[in-house]
Amino acid sequence: MSDAPALPIFDGHNDVLLRLIRKGVDRVEQHFLDGDGEGHLDLPRMHAGGFGGGLFAVFVPSPSAAPEEDPTDTRRKRKEAMSGETYDLPLPAPLSLGEAQPTALAMAGILFRIEKASGGRVKVCRTAAEIRDCLAKGVLATVLHFEGAEAIDTDFRALEVLYQAGLRSLGPVWSRPTAYGHGVPFRFPGSPDTGNGLTDAGKALVAECNRMGVMIDLSHLNEKGFWDVAGLSDAPLVASHSNAHAICPTTRNLTDGQLARIRESGGLVGLNYATSFLRPDGQMSADTGLDVMLRHLDHLIEHLGEDGVGLGSDFDGATIPAEIKDAAGLPNLVAAMRQAGYGETLVRKICSENWVNVLERTWGG
């Protein structure tokens, strides 16, 4: 346990579990706890930057079309494609339950092993009160989140087990289609209105999550699916890592109409640091100033109100501005907010308070 930072940050999305499982080594949790200097996140850099907690995503990657292809090479090709003036990347095929579930459970297991091996420095939180206590004490507050519901059967038997294990946030899709709905392709420029909405199983999933108190994450869901959730859910509408379509017209971002509905529900949007969802030209480039992030924050605040905006970095899953670089660089973003005239109350809300409050309203305690 360490002293709590003066201004802890609670973050809506990261992919460190994916990075860790890809290392393919024993006791991978120690790489995170001791600090391996790779990617964007490990515990020492998180402490250095004031990263106090967040939603830790379980995302099951699609198998490569060429089994011998290195995942690093696949990511490089995607980055090259998303550095053009326009792009439209094809979505991978759906994953079956049998393909997705073993990997999803293995990734969740890494999070629990991190908690066990941390000596009290990391906690998997199941209530908002636990998150607040961790942020106050300098314990890393983690929340188990599934980005895509491929590992959950349509009878929801796995959902009950996962909830008891700690699952508190669930995105029905990660872009590729699932039994529950349809995501958006990586297209620029483009509208999020890209296809059909929720399936019947998806509508049942919304009801089940509402009953259990599991947050439904709207990031990656297409616009028709968004409006289906909005018409069915009795919980605040939340997009954990999305930006303003009015500034960066990519399929992954939210229109002003969607933002208005999120505000009506008392929901929240977490600012995504991925440069291809920040830049007006949609390019994936680390040479992106923090001023672009502030433009999105200003727009989100205007349309959501000061209580509806948080942070959703996409650390370890995206190319982010070089001025941040990794979790240790988060004070640069906080300083930019202050220099732009954001008062301390608003900065605190954006950094953690809004996230904890919306989770409390969703989880019921």
Protein backbone atom coordinates (compact mmCIF):
# COMPACT_ATOMS: atom_id res chain seq x y z
CA MET A 1 0.00 0.00 0.00
CA SER A 2 1.23 3.51 -0.80
CA ASP A 3 0.23 7.05 -0.01
CA ALA A 4 -2.77 8.12 -2.12
CA PRO A 5 -2.00 10.71 -4.82
CA ALA A 6 -3.45 14.17 -4.27
CA LEU A 7 -5.60 13.75 -7.40
CA PRO A 8 -6.13 10.07 -8.27
CA ILE A 9 -7.38 9.18 -11.75
CA PHE A 10 -10.01 6.53 -12.32
CA ASP A 11 -9.90 5.38 -15.93
CA GLY A 12 -12.68 3.85 -18.01
CA HIS A 13 -10.71 1.47 -20.23
CA ASN A 14 -7.36 -0.26 -20.63
CA ASP A 15 -6.08 -3.40 -22.35
CA VAL A 16 -3.19 -4.34 -20.07
CA LEU A 17 -4.60 -7.85 -19.53
CA LEU A 18 -4.37 -8.46 -23.27
CA ARG A 19 -0.78 -7.20 -23.30
CA LEU A 20 0.10 -9.45 -20.38
CA ILE A 21 -1.49 -12.63 -21.74
CA ARG A 22 0.37 -12.11 -25.02
CA LYS A 23 3.68 -12.23 -23.15
CA GLY A 24 3.09 -15.95 -22.71
CA VAL A 25 5.28 -16.26 -19.61
CA ASP A 26 4.79 -17.79 -16.17
CA ARG A 27 4.00 -15.48 -13.26
CA VAL A 28 3.09 -12.71 -15.69
CA GLU A 29 1.48 -10.85 -12.80
CA GLN A 30 4.94 -10.01 -11.49
CA HIS A 31 5.76 -8.22 -14.74
CA PHE A 32 2.87 -5.88 -13.97
CA LEU A 33 3.59 -5.48 -10.26
CA ASP A 34 7.36 -5.02 -10.58
CA GLY A 35 7.15 -2.95 -13.76
CA ASP A 36 8.31 -4.22 -17.13
CA GLY A 37 8.45 -0.82 -18.85
CA GLU A 38 6.52 -2.18 -21.81
CA GLY A 39 3.34 -0.76 -23.29
CA HIS A 40 1.59 1.91 -21.25
CA LEU A 41 0.74 0.32 -17.91
CA ASP A 42 2.42 -1.32 -14.98
CA LEU A 43 2.04 -0.63 -11.28
CA PRO A 44 5.14 1.58 -10.78
CA ARG A 45 4.23 3.86 -13.70
CA MET A 46 0.60 3.98 -12.59
CA HIS A 47 1.66 5.12 -9.13
CA ALA A 48 4.00 7.68 -10.69
CA GLY A 49 1.22 9.18 -12.81
CA GLY A 50 -1.61 9.08 -10.28
CA PHE A 51 -3.50 6.27 -12.01
CA GLY A 52 -5.60 5.14 -9.06
CA GLY A 53 -7.91 2.65 -10.72
CA GLY A 54 -10.11 1.78 -13.61
CA LEU A 55 -11.99 -0.74 -15.69
CA PHE A 56 -9.65 -3.55 -16.77
CA ALA A 57 -10.86 -5.02 -20.05
CA VAL A 58 -11.03 -8.67 -20.99
CA PHE A 59 -10.86 -8.62 -24.78
CA VAL A 60 -10.47 -11.81 -26.80
CA PRO A 61 -8.59 -11.06 -30.02
CA SER A 62 -9.63 -12.64 -33.30
CA PRO A 63 -7.38 -15.38 -34.65
CA SER A 64 -5.12 -14.16 -37.42
CA ALA A 65 -6.20 -15.06 -40.94
CA ALA A 66 -2.66 -16.40 -41.26
CA PRO A 67 -1.89 -18.53 -38.17
CA GLU A 68 1.84 -17.91 -38.51
CA GLU A 69 1.42 -14.12 -38.50
CA ASP A 70 2.89 -12.25 -35.52
CA PRO A 71 0.24 -10.22 -33.60
CA THR A 72 2.74 -7.34 -33.56
CA ASP A 73 2.80 -7.39 -37.34
CA THR A 74 -1.00 -7.40 -37.44
CA ARG A 75 -1.11 -4.32 -35.22
CA ARG A 76 1.53 -2.63 -37.39
CA LYS A 77 -0.55 -3.21 -40.51
CA ARG A 78 -3.61 -1.74 -38.79
CA LYS A 79 -1.63 1.31 -37.74
CA GLU A 80 -0.42 1.81 -41.29
CA ALA A 81 -3.96 1.51 -42.63
CA MET A 82 -5.29 4.02 -40.09
CA SER A 83 -2.66 6.58 -41.02
CA GLY A 84 -4.20 7.32 -44.41
CA GLU A 85 -6.54 10.16 -45.34
CA THR A 86 -9.40 7.66 -45.44
CA TYR A 87 -9.70 4.05 -44.35
CA ASP A 88 -12.25 1.28 -43.93
CA LEU A 89 -10.88 -1.81 -42.21
CA PRO A 90 -12.86 -5.04 -42.59
CA LEU A 91 -14.16 -6.53 -39.38
CA PRO A 92 -13.02 -9.99 -38.28
CA ALA A 93 -15.48 -12.87 -38.26
CA PRO A 94 -17.51 -13.54 -35.12
CA LEU A 95 -16.01 -15.72 -32.39
CA SER A 96 -17.86 -18.74 -31.06
CA LEU A 97 -18.46 -19.26 -27.35
CA GLY A 98 -16.00 -22.14 -27.42
CA GLU A 99 -13.30 -19.97 -28.99
CA ALA A 100 -13.81 -16.99 -26.69
CA GLN A 101 -14.48 -18.39 -23.24
CA PRO A 102 -11.14 -20.06 -22.41
CA THR A 103 -9.14 -16.95 -23.32
CA ALA A 104 -11.55 -14.66 -21.47
CA LEU A 105 -11.27 -16.74 -18.31
CA ALA A 106 -7.49 -16.84 -18.59
CA MET A 107 -7.34 -13.05 -18.85
CA ALA A 108 -9.68 -12.58 -15.89
CA GLY A 109 -7.45 -14.99 -13.99
CA ILE A 110 -4.46 -12.71 -14.57
CA LEU A 111 -6.30 -9.87 -12.85
CA PHE A 112 -7.10 -12.03 -9.84
CA ARG A 113 -3.51 -13.27 -9.66
CA ILE A 114 -2.30 -9.67 -9.73
CA GLU A 115 -4.58 -8.92 -6.78
CA LYS A 116 -3.41 -11.98 -4.84
CA ALA A 117 0.29 -11.34 -5.45
CA SER A 118 0.13 -7.61 -4.78
CA GLY A 119 0.28 -7.76 -0.99
CA GLY A 120 -2.67 -5.40 -0.68
CA ARG A 121 -1.51 -2.95 -3.35
CA VAL A 122 -4.23 -3.97 -5.84
CA LYS A 123 -7.89 -4.80 -5.24
CA VAL A 124 -10.65 -6.08 -7.54
CA CYS A 125 -13.55 -3.85 -6.57
CA ARG A 126 -17.22 -4.80 -6.64
CA THR A 127 -18.80 -1.68 -5.11
CA ALA A 128 -18.33 2.06 -5.45
CA ALA A 129 -17.51 2.21 -1.75
CA GLU A 130 -14.56 -0.13 -2.32
CA ILE A 131 -13.31 2.08 -5.16
CA ARG A 132 -13.50 5.21 -3.00
CA ASP A 133 -11.66 3.45 -0.18
CA CYS A 134 -8.89 2.31 -2.55
CA LEU A 135 -8.49 5.77 -4.09
CA ALA A 136 -8.21 7.28 -0.62
CA LYS A 137 -5.57 4.77 0.50
CA GLY A 138 -3.49 4.54 -2.67
CA VAL A 139 -4.55 0.97 -3.48
CA LEU A 140 -5.07 0.33 -7.20
CA ALA A 141 -8.84 -0.08 -7.66
CA THR A 142 -9.57 -2.47 -10.52
CA VAL A 143 -12.95 -3.40 -12.00
CA LEU A 144 -13.40 -6.50 -14.15
CA HIS A 145 -14.87 -5.52 -17.52
CA PHE A 146 -15.61 -7.62 -20.62
CA GLU A 147 -15.13 -5.81 -23.94
CA GLY A 148 -17.40 -7.96 -26.08
CA ALA A 149 -19.76 -10.63 -24.76
CA GLU A 150 -18.58 -13.59 -26.86
CA ALA A 151 -17.61 -15.53 -23.72
CA ILE A 152 -21.16 -15.36 -22.33
CA ASP A 153 -23.78 -17.89 -23.44
CA THR A 154 -27.21 -16.64 -24.47
CA ASP A 155 -28.79 -18.47 -21.51
CA PHE A 156 -26.64 -16.23 -19.27
CA ARG A 157 -25.38 -19.05 -17.10
CA ALA A 158 -21.82 -17.78 -17.44
CA LEU A 159 -22.96 -14.23 -16.65
CA GLU A 160 -24.12 -15.26 -13.20
CA VAL A 161 -20.81 -17.01 -12.47
CA LEU A 162 -18.80 -14.07 -13.79
CA TYR A 163 -20.81 -11.63 -11.70
CA GLN A 164 -20.06 -13.62 -8.58
CA ALA A 165 -16.39 -13.55 -9.57
CA GLY A 166 -16.42 -9.76 -9.91
CA LEU A 167 -17.68 -8.78 -13.37
CA ARG A 168 -19.34 -5.37 -13.08
CA SER A 169 -19.09 -3.93 -16.60
CA LEU A 170 -19.87 -5.45 -19.99
CA GLY A 171 -19.77 -4.26 -23.59
CA PRO A 172 -22.09 -6.36 -25.79
CA VAL A 173 -19.64 -6.03 -28.69
CA TRP A 174 -16.12 -5.10 -29.67
CA SER A 175 -16.82 -3.95 -33.24
CA ARG A 176 -17.10 -7.47 -34.73
CA PRO A 177 -20.65 -8.90 -34.50
CA THR A 178 -21.70 -11.11 -31.60
CA ALA A 179 -24.85 -13.02 -30.69
CA TYR A 180 -25.99 -9.79 -29.04
CA GLY A 181 -25.45 -7.04 -31.60
CA HIS A 182 -23.27 -5.27 -34.09
CA GLY A 183 -20.30 -2.99 -33.65
CA VAL A 184 -18.87 -0.28 -35.83
CA PRO A 185 -16.05 -0.90 -38.30
CA PHE A 186 -12.89 1.19 -38.12
CA ARG A 187 -13.87 3.65 -40.82
CA PHE A 188 -12.90 7.26 -41.46
CA PRO A 189 -14.75 9.35 -42.26
CA GLY A 190 -17.91 7.56 -41.28
CA SER A 191 -21.13 7.56 -39.33
CA PRO A 192 -21.77 5.23 -36.37
CA ASP A 193 -25.02 4.27 -38.13
CA THR A 194 -23.54 1.19 -39.80
CA GLY A 195 -26.07 -1.63 -39.54
CA ASN A 196 -28.62 -3.47 -37.49
CA GLY A 197 -29.23 -2.98 -33.80
CA LEU A 198 -29.42 -5.44 -30.92
CA THR A 199 -30.55 -8.99 -31.53
CA ASP A 200 -33.28 -10.51 -29.36
CA ALA A 201 -30.50 -12.02 -27.24
CA GLY A 202 -28.94 -8.57 -26.96
CA LYS A 203 -32.16 -7.08 -25.69
CA ALA A 204 -32.40 -9.87 -23.13
CA LEU A 205 -28.77 -9.18 -22.13
CA VAL A 206 -29.62 -5.54 -21.38
CA ALA A 207 -32.47 -6.62 -19.12
CA GLU A 208 -30.27 -9.16 -17.34
CA CYS A 209 -27.48 -6.63 -16.77
CA ASN A 210 -29.98 -4.12 -15.40
CA ARG A 211 -31.33 -6.77 -13.02
CA MET A 212 -27.89 -7.74 -11.78
CA GLY A 213 -26.40 -4.25 -11.66
CA VAL A 214 -23.80 -4.74 -14.40
CA MET A 215 -22.87 -1.58 -16.33
CA ILE A 216 -23.55 -1.78 -20.08
CA ASP A 217 -20.73 -0.19 -22.08
CA LEU A 218 -21.84 1.45 -25.32
CA SER A 219 -18.38 2.03 -26.80
CA HIS A 220 -17.95 0.06 -30.07
CA LEU A 221 -21.73 -0.51 -30.40
CA ASN A 222 -23.24 0.89 -33.58
CA GLU A 223 -25.85 3.66 -33.51
CA LYS A 224 -28.93 1.45 -33.88
CA GLY A 225 -27.65 -0.71 -31.03
CA PHE A 226 -27.06 2.43 -28.97
CA TRP A 227 -30.66 3.53 -29.41
CA ASP A 228 -31.91 0.02 -28.62
CA VAL A 229 -30.03 0.10 -25.29
CA ALA A 230 -31.27 3.64 -24.64
CA GLY A 231 -34.88 2.50 -25.12
CA LEU A 232 -34.53 -0.58 -22.93
CA SER A 233 -32.12 0.22 -20.11
CA ASP A 234 -33.11 1.76 -16.79
CA ALA A 235 -29.46 2.48 -15.91
CA PRO A 236 -27.29 5.47 -16.83
CA LEU A 237 -25.95 5.22 -20.38
CA VAL A 238 -22.16 4.95 -20.44
CA ALA A 239 -19.56 4.88 -23.21
CA SER A 240 -16.31 4.01 -21.47
CA HIS A 241 -13.87 5.17 -24.17
CA SER A 242 -15.42 7.26 -26.94
CA ASN A 243 -15.08 10.81 -28.28
CA ALA A 244 -17.05 13.48 -30.13
CA HIS A 245 -18.04 12.70 -33.72
CA ALA A 246 -18.45 16.44 -34.36
CA ILE A 247 -14.67 16.85 -33.99
CA CYS A 248 -13.39 13.51 -35.33
CA PRO A 249 -15.96 11.96 -37.71
CA THR A 250 -15.03 8.31 -37.26
CA THR A 251 -17.55 5.54 -36.76
CA ARG A 252 -16.23 4.97 -33.22
CA ASN A 253 -17.29 8.39 -31.95
CA LEU A 254 -20.62 9.65 -30.63
CA THR A 255 -22.94 12.09 -32.36
CA ASP A 256 -24.39 15.08 -30.53
CA GLY A 257 -27.76 13.31 -30.50
CA GLN A 258 -26.23 10.35 -28.71
CA LEU A 259 -24.50 12.67 -26.24
CA ALA A 260 -27.82 14.38 -25.49
CA ARG A 261 -29.44 11.03 -24.68
CA ILE A 262 -26.52 10.04 -22.43
CA ARG A 263 -26.94 13.32 -20.55
CA GLU A 264 -30.69 12.71 -20.12
CA SER A 265 -29.94 9.34 -18.53
CA GLY A 266 -27.41 10.74 -16.07
CA GLY A 267 -24.67 8.81 -17.85
CA LEU A 268 -21.04 9.39 -18.76
CA VAL A 269 -18.51 9.32 -21.61
CA GLY A 270 -14.83 8.56 -20.98
CA LEU A 271 -12.40 10.49 -23.19
CA ASN A 272 -10.47 8.05 -25.39
CA TYR A 273 -6.78 8.90 -25.85
CA ALA A 274 -6.52 6.95 -29.14
CA THR A 275 -5.25 9.50 -31.62
CA SER A 276 -7.31 8.11 -34.51
CA PHE A 277 -10.45 8.95 -32.49
CA LEU A 278 -9.12 12.37 -31.44
CA ARG A 279 -7.68 13.97 -34.55
CA PRO A 280 -10.00 15.74 -37.00
CA ASP A 281 -8.12 13.94 -39.79
CA GLY A 282 -8.64 10.52 -38.14
CA GLN A 283 -4.99 9.52 -38.37
CA MET A 284 -3.19 7.24 -35.95
CA SER A 285 -0.18 9.33 -34.98
CA ALA A 286 1.51 9.94 -31.64
CA ASP A 287 2.34 13.42 -32.92
CA THR A 288 -0.97 14.71 -31.58
CA GLY A 289 -1.14 17.65 -29.18
CA LEU A 290 -3.04 17.71 -25.92
CA ASP A 291 -5.00 20.65 -27.33
CA VAL A 292 -6.98 18.15 -29.42
CA MET A 293 -7.91 16.23 -26.27
CA LEU A 294 -9.08 19.48 -24.69
CA ARG A 295 -11.26 20.22 -27.72
CA HIS A 296 -13.03 16.92 -27.17
CA LEU A 297 -13.31 17.54 -23.43
CA ASP A 298 -14.83 20.98 -24.06
CA HIS A 299 -17.34 19.50 -26.49
CA LEU A 300 -18.25 16.66 -24.15
CA ILE A 301 -18.68 19.04 -21.22
CA GLU A 302 -20.89 21.30 -23.34
CA HIS A 303 -23.16 18.41 -24.35
CA LEU A 304 -23.01 16.21 -21.24
CA GLY A 305 -22.52 18.70 -18.43
CA GLU A 306 -19.71 18.70 -15.91
CA ASP A 307 -21.02 15.53 -14.23
CA GLY A 308 -21.05 13.45 -17.42
CA VAL A 309 -17.41 13.42 -18.50
CA GLY A 310 -14.56 11.14 -17.42
CA LEU A 311 -11.40 9.59 -18.82
CA GLY A 312 -11.18 6.35 -20.82
CA SER A 313 -7.59 6.11 -21.97
CA ASP A 314 -7.47 2.87 -24.01
CA PHE A 315 -3.96 2.44 -22.58
CA ASP A 316 -2.20 -0.65 -23.98
CA GLY A 317 -4.77 -0.78 -26.78
CA ALA A 318 -4.07 2.31 -28.87
CA THR A 319 -1.57 4.87 -30.14
CA ILE A 320 -1.79 7.80 -27.72
CA PRO A 321 -0.31 11.33 -27.76
CA ALA A 322 3.44 11.39 -27.21
CA GLU A 323 3.03 14.10 -24.55
CA ILE A 324 1.37 11.48 -22.36
CA LYS A 325 3.37 8.44 -23.59
CA ASP A 326 2.22 6.11 -20.79
CA ALA A 327 0.55 6.14 -17.37
CA ALA A 328 3.43 8.08 -15.83
CA GLY A 329 2.59 10.99 -18.17
CA LEU A 330 -0.95 11.53 -16.88
CA PRO A 331 0.07 14.65 -14.89
CA ASN A 332 0.67 16.34 -18.25
CA LEU A 333 -3.00 15.92 -19.15
CA VAL A 334 -4.10 17.17 -15.74
CA ALA A 335 -1.80 20.19 -16.09
CA ALA A 336 -3.26 20.91 -19.54
CA MET A 337 -6.78 20.93 -18.09
CA ARG A 338 -5.73 23.40 -15.41
CA GLN A 339 -3.91 25.61 -17.90
CA ALA A 340 -7.06 25.65 -20.04
CA GLY A 341 -8.98 27.16 -17.12
CA TYR A 342 -10.69 24.08 -15.74
CA GLY A 343 -11.35 24.69 -12.05
CA GLU A 344 -10.23 22.20 -9.42
CA THR A 345 -13.78 20.95 -8.84
CA LEU A 346 -14.19 20.13 -12.53
CA VAL A 347 -10.74 18.53 -12.75
CA ARG A 348 -11.56 16.26 -9.80
CA LYS A 349 -14.86 15.28 -11.39
CA ILE A 350 -13.24 14.39 -14.70
CA CYS A 351 -10.34 12.55 -13.08
CA SER A 352 -12.37 10.24 -10.84
CA GLU A 353 -15.50 11.52 -9.13
CA ASN A 354 -17.85 11.29 -12.11
CA TRP A 355 -16.81 7.70 -12.81
CA VAL A 356 -17.30 6.55 -9.22
CA ASN A 357 -20.66 8.29 -9.01
CA VAL A 358 -22.04 6.76 -12.21
CA LEU A 359 -20.86 3.30 -11.14
CA GLU A 360 -22.59 3.79 -7.81
CA ARG A 361 -25.84 4.71 -9.56
CA THR A 362 -25.52 1.72 -11.88
CA TRP A 363 -24.47 -0.89 -9.33
CA GLY A 364 -26.84 0.30 -6.64
CA GLY A 365 -24.23 0.85 -3.95
